[in-house]
């Protein structure tokens, strides 16, 4: 029995990596999937792949840090599918210019916070009312291992992911009594395009030591996992 028949799922950052794998998996479990991304070409490809496999999916363009874009997408999803049951706040960015707090440009800090944290606020703010109309729902926020334990030279990303974990705790207490479950996942070394842009490009990155310290399985994870 499929777990998400007649359910509608919004996935931000759904064109690549964990978001793409999640969109495909939700669709396989019977959900109608709204894929949100600013990469229209790859986002449309994911939606088309799902439809070709017999699933239901639509792509919606948005800059997840802009309120007007978010409100438009949430309204369009609700109009298209008549309900919203699950919100997966997955959209994230790691900027190559990230680093120690004394070295980060203010624009890098602001852009990282806008995409990684402000998007969680905006999508939750405008999606929760639709969940309440159908009696509840579920929200998943993507943090990171570095938001829990700290990793050097990515202070903006770490701060955004630590804050994501904390807003998850607050929202869980706030909306649990209204039948909206709010949970957070904190992946570590998942092999995605964004990971390749981070420490893997550093000449000082010790990959073997990193996997031994950060991954119980001593290997990179896969988005499908």
Protein backbone atom coordinates (compact mmCIF):
# COMPACT_ATOMS: atom_id res chain seq x y z
CA UNK A 1 0.00 0.00 0.00
CA UNK A 2 1.41 3.36 -1.03
CA UNK A 3 1.78 5.80 1.87
CA UNK A 4 0.92 9.12 0.23
CA UNK A 5 -2.08 8.47 -2.01
CA UNK A 6 -4.22 11.63 -2.29
CA UNK A 7 -1.55 13.69 -0.51
CA UNK A 8 0.08 16.82 -1.94
CA UNK A 9 3.74 17.55 -1.25
CA UNK A 10 5.75 20.73 -1.83
CA UNK A 11 9.50 20.21 -2.14
CA UNK A 12 11.77 23.24 -2.37
CA UNK A 13 15.09 22.80 -4.10
CA UNK A 14 13.56 19.87 -5.93
CA UNK A 15 15.59 20.07 -9.14
CA UNK A 16 18.75 18.43 -7.80
CA UNK A 17 20.28 16.25 -5.12
CA UNK A 18 18.23 15.28 -2.10
CA UNK A 19 15.23 17.32 -3.29
CA UNK A 20 15.11 15.51 -6.63
CA UNK A 21 15.46 12.08 -5.01
CA UNK A 22 12.74 12.97 -2.51
CA UNK A 23 10.37 14.17 -5.23
CA UNK A 24 10.75 10.89 -7.07
CA UNK A 25 10.28 8.85 -3.88
CA UNK A 26 7.18 10.78 -2.77
CA UNK A 27 5.68 10.29 -6.23
CA UNK A 28 6.42 6.56 -6.10
CA UNK A 29 4.45 6.47 -2.85
CA UNK A 30 1.43 8.03 -4.54
CA UNK A 31 1.83 11.74 -3.71
CA UNK A 32 1.16 14.60 -6.09
CA UNK A 33 4.43 16.52 -6.04
CA UNK A 34 5.03 20.25 -6.46
CA UNK A 35 8.70 20.76 -7.32
CA UNK A 36 9.97 24.25 -6.51
CA UNK A 37 13.30 25.58 -7.73
CA UNK A 38 14.88 28.47 -9.58
CA UNK A 39 16.46 26.04 -12.07
CA UNK A 40 13.54 25.79 -14.46
CA UNK A 41 15.24 23.48 -16.93
CA UNK A 42 16.23 20.75 -14.48
CA UNK A 43 13.10 21.24 -12.37
CA UNK A 44 10.89 20.60 -15.40
CA UNK A 45 12.98 17.53 -16.20
CA UNK A 46 12.33 16.05 -12.76
CA UNK A 47 8.61 16.70 -13.08
CA UNK A 48 8.56 15.14 -16.53
CA UNK A 49 10.50 12.09 -15.30
CA UNK A 50 7.88 11.56 -12.60
CA UNK A 51 4.99 11.94 -15.03
CA UNK A 52 6.60 9.52 -17.49
CA UNK A 53 6.74 6.97 -14.65
CA UNK A 54 3.02 7.36 -14.03
CA UNK A 55 3.24 9.86 -11.18
CA UNK A 56 1.79 13.33 -10.72
CA UNK A 57 4.15 16.29 -10.60
CA UNK A 58 4.26 19.97 -11.54
CA UNK A 59 7.21 22.34 -11.55
CA UNK A 60 6.96 25.84 -10.06
CA UNK A 61 9.66 28.47 -10.47
CA UNK A 62 10.55 30.52 -7.40
CA UNK A 63 13.34 32.35 -5.69
CA UNK A 64 12.64 30.83 -2.29
CA UNK A 65 13.98 33.88 -0.47
CA UNK A 66 11.44 36.28 -2.03
CA UNK A 67 8.06 36.55 -0.33
CA UNK A 68 6.11 37.36 -3.50
CA UNK A 69 7.52 34.28 -5.26
CA UNK A 70 6.71 32.04 -2.31
CA UNK A 71 3.16 33.33 -1.95
CA UNK A 72 2.56 32.86 -5.67
CA UNK A 73 3.84 29.29 -5.62
CA UNK A 74 1.91 28.25 -2.51
CA UNK A 75 -1.27 29.77 -3.95
CA UNK A 76 -0.73 28.05 -7.29
CA UNK A 77 -0.11 24.67 -5.65
CA UNK A 78 -3.25 25.00 -3.54
CA UNK A 79 -5.26 26.01 -6.61
CA UNK A 80 -3.87 23.16 -8.73
CA UNK A 81 -4.22 20.34 -6.19
CA UNK A 82 -6.90 21.72 -3.81
CA UNK A 83 -4.85 20.89 -0.72
CA UNK A 84 -1.32 20.81 0.76
CA UNK A 85 -0.35 18.02 3.14
CA UNK A 86 3.45 18.02 3.29
CA UNK A 87 6.06 20.76 3.04
CA UNK A 88 9.68 19.75 2.60
CA UNK A 89 11.88 22.82 3.14
CA UNK A 90 14.92 21.42 1.39
CA UNK A 91 16.28 24.35 -0.66
CA UNK A 92 19.82 25.18 0.44
CA UNK A 93 22.97 26.80 -0.84
CA UNK A 94 26.61 26.52 0.11
CA UNK A 95 28.63 29.39 -1.29
CA UNK A 96 32.28 28.81 -2.19
CA UNK A 97 33.07 32.18 -0.62
CA UNK A 98 31.91 30.94 2.80
CA UNK A 99 34.56 30.62 5.49
CA UNK A 100 35.52 31.84 8.94
CA UNK A 101 33.23 34.55 10.30
CA UNK A 102 36.00 37.15 10.13
CA UNK A 103 36.53 36.46 6.42
CA UNK A 104 32.97 36.19 5.09
CA UNK A 105 31.64 39.06 3.01
CA UNK A 106 28.35 40.40 4.29
CA UNK A 107 26.64 39.62 0.97
CA UNK A 108 27.67 35.96 1.27
CA UNK A 109 26.26 35.83 4.80
CA UNK A 110 23.00 37.52 3.75
CA UNK A 111 22.50 35.33 0.66
CA UNK A 112 23.15 32.14 2.62
CA UNK A 113 20.66 33.13 5.31
CA UNK A 114 18.08 34.19 2.75
CA UNK A 115 18.04 30.88 0.90
CA UNK A 116 18.71 28.48 3.76
CA UNK A 117 16.71 30.07 6.56
CA UNK A 118 14.37 32.78 5.28
CA UNK A 119 12.90 30.25 2.83
CA UNK A 120 11.94 27.97 5.73
CA UNK A 121 10.15 30.88 7.38
CA UNK A 122 8.37 32.01 4.21
CA UNK A 123 7.18 28.62 2.99
CA UNK A 124 6.04 27.60 6.46
CA UNK A 125 4.25 30.91 7.01
CA UNK A 126 2.22 30.64 3.81
CA UNK A 127 1.73 26.85 3.69
CA UNK A 128 0.56 26.17 7.24
CA UNK A 129 -2.83 27.89 6.75
CA UNK A 130 -3.57 25.48 3.89
CA UNK A 131 -2.60 22.51 6.07
CA UNK A 132 -4.93 23.68 8.80
CA UNK A 133 -7.79 23.73 6.29
CA UNK A 134 -7.38 19.99 5.70
CA UNK A 135 -6.90 19.09 9.35
CA UNK A 136 -3.10 19.00 9.63
CA UNK A 137 0.03 17.96 7.84
CA UNK A 138 3.76 17.51 8.12
CA UNK A 139 6.75 19.79 7.64
CA UNK A 140 10.32 18.57 7.13
CA UNK A 141 13.20 21.03 7.38
CA UNK A 142 16.70 20.21 6.14
CA UNK A 143 19.46 21.16 8.54
CA UNK A 144 22.95 19.64 8.35
CA UNK A 145 25.44 17.86 10.56
CA UNK A 146 27.45 21.10 10.61
CA UNK A 147 24.45 22.86 12.10
CA UNK A 148 24.64 20.45 15.04
CA UNK A 149 28.36 19.81 15.63
CA UNK A 150 30.10 22.62 13.76
CA UNK A 151 32.60 22.37 10.91
CA UNK A 152 35.29 25.01 10.32
CA UNK A 153 35.39 27.41 7.37
CA UNK A 154 31.68 27.41 6.59
CA UNK A 155 30.34 29.67 9.32
CA UNK A 156 27.46 31.18 7.32
CA UNK A 157 26.19 27.77 6.22
CA UNK A 158 26.64 26.34 9.73
CA UNK A 159 24.76 29.24 11.31
CA UNK A 160 21.87 28.90 8.87
CA UNK A 161 21.58 25.19 9.51
CA UNK A 162 21.82 25.55 13.29
CA UNK A 163 18.99 28.07 13.13
CA UNK A 164 16.98 25.67 10.98
CA UNK A 165 17.21 23.04 13.72
CA UNK A 166 16.05 25.56 16.33
CA UNK A 167 13.09 26.89 14.36
CA UNK A 168 12.05 23.28 13.84
CA UNK A 169 11.91 22.74 17.61
CA UNK A 170 9.87 25.90 18.09
CA UNK A 171 7.44 25.12 15.26
CA UNK A 172 7.00 21.54 16.49
CA UNK A 173 5.79 22.82 19.86
CA UNK A 174 3.68 25.56 18.31
CA UNK A 175 1.85 23.51 15.69
CA UNK A 176 1.88 19.98 17.12
CA UNK A 177 -1.41 20.59 18.96
CA UNK A 178 -2.89 21.63 15.60
CA UNK A 179 -1.96 18.24 14.09
CA UNK A 180 0.99 19.56 12.10
CA UNK A 181 4.14 17.56 12.79
CA UNK A 182 7.40 19.46 12.27
CA UNK A 183 10.66 17.54 12.06
CA UNK A 184 14.21 18.19 10.95
CA UNK A 185 16.80 16.03 9.24
CA UNK A 186 20.52 16.77 9.47
CA UNK A 187 22.37 14.95 6.70
CA UNK A 188 26.14 14.74 6.74
CA UNK A 189 28.18 13.73 3.70
CA UNK A 190 25.56 13.16 1.01
CA UNK A 191 27.06 13.12 -2.48
CA UNK A 192 25.23 15.92 -4.27
CA UNK A 193 26.30 18.68 -6.68
CA UNK A 194 26.43 21.12 -3.74
CA UNK A 195 28.81 18.86 -1.80
CA UNK A 196 31.16 18.76 -4.76
CA UNK A 197 31.33 22.56 -4.66
CA UNK A 198 32.30 22.64 -1.00
CA UNK A 199 35.23 20.94 0.72
CA UNK A 200 35.87 18.53 -2.14
CA UNK A 201 37.39 21.42 -4.10
CA UNK A 202 39.79 22.38 -1.32
CA UNK A 203 43.44 21.40 -1.68
CA UNK A 204 43.64 20.98 2.11
CA UNK A 205 40.56 18.76 2.42
CA UNK A 206 41.39 15.37 3.98
CA UNK A 207 38.61 13.20 2.58
CA UNK A 208 39.56 10.01 4.43
CA UNK A 209 39.72 11.77 7.80
CA UNK A 210 36.45 13.57 7.10
CA UNK A 211 34.58 10.34 6.42
CA UNK A 212 36.02 8.64 9.48
CA UNK A 213 35.05 11.52 11.76
CA UNK A 214 31.70 12.52 10.27
CA UNK A 215 30.12 9.39 8.79
CA UNK A 216 29.36 6.24 10.82
CA UNK A 217 29.26 4.25 7.55
CA UNK A 218 32.66 5.65 6.51
CA UNK A 219 31.35 6.61 3.08
CA UNK A 220 29.31 9.26 1.35
CA UNK A 221 25.57 8.85 1.46
CA UNK A 222 23.35 8.88 -1.61
CA UNK A 223 20.46 11.31 -2.12
CA UNK A 224 18.08 8.35 -2.45
CA UNK A 225 19.00 7.23 1.05
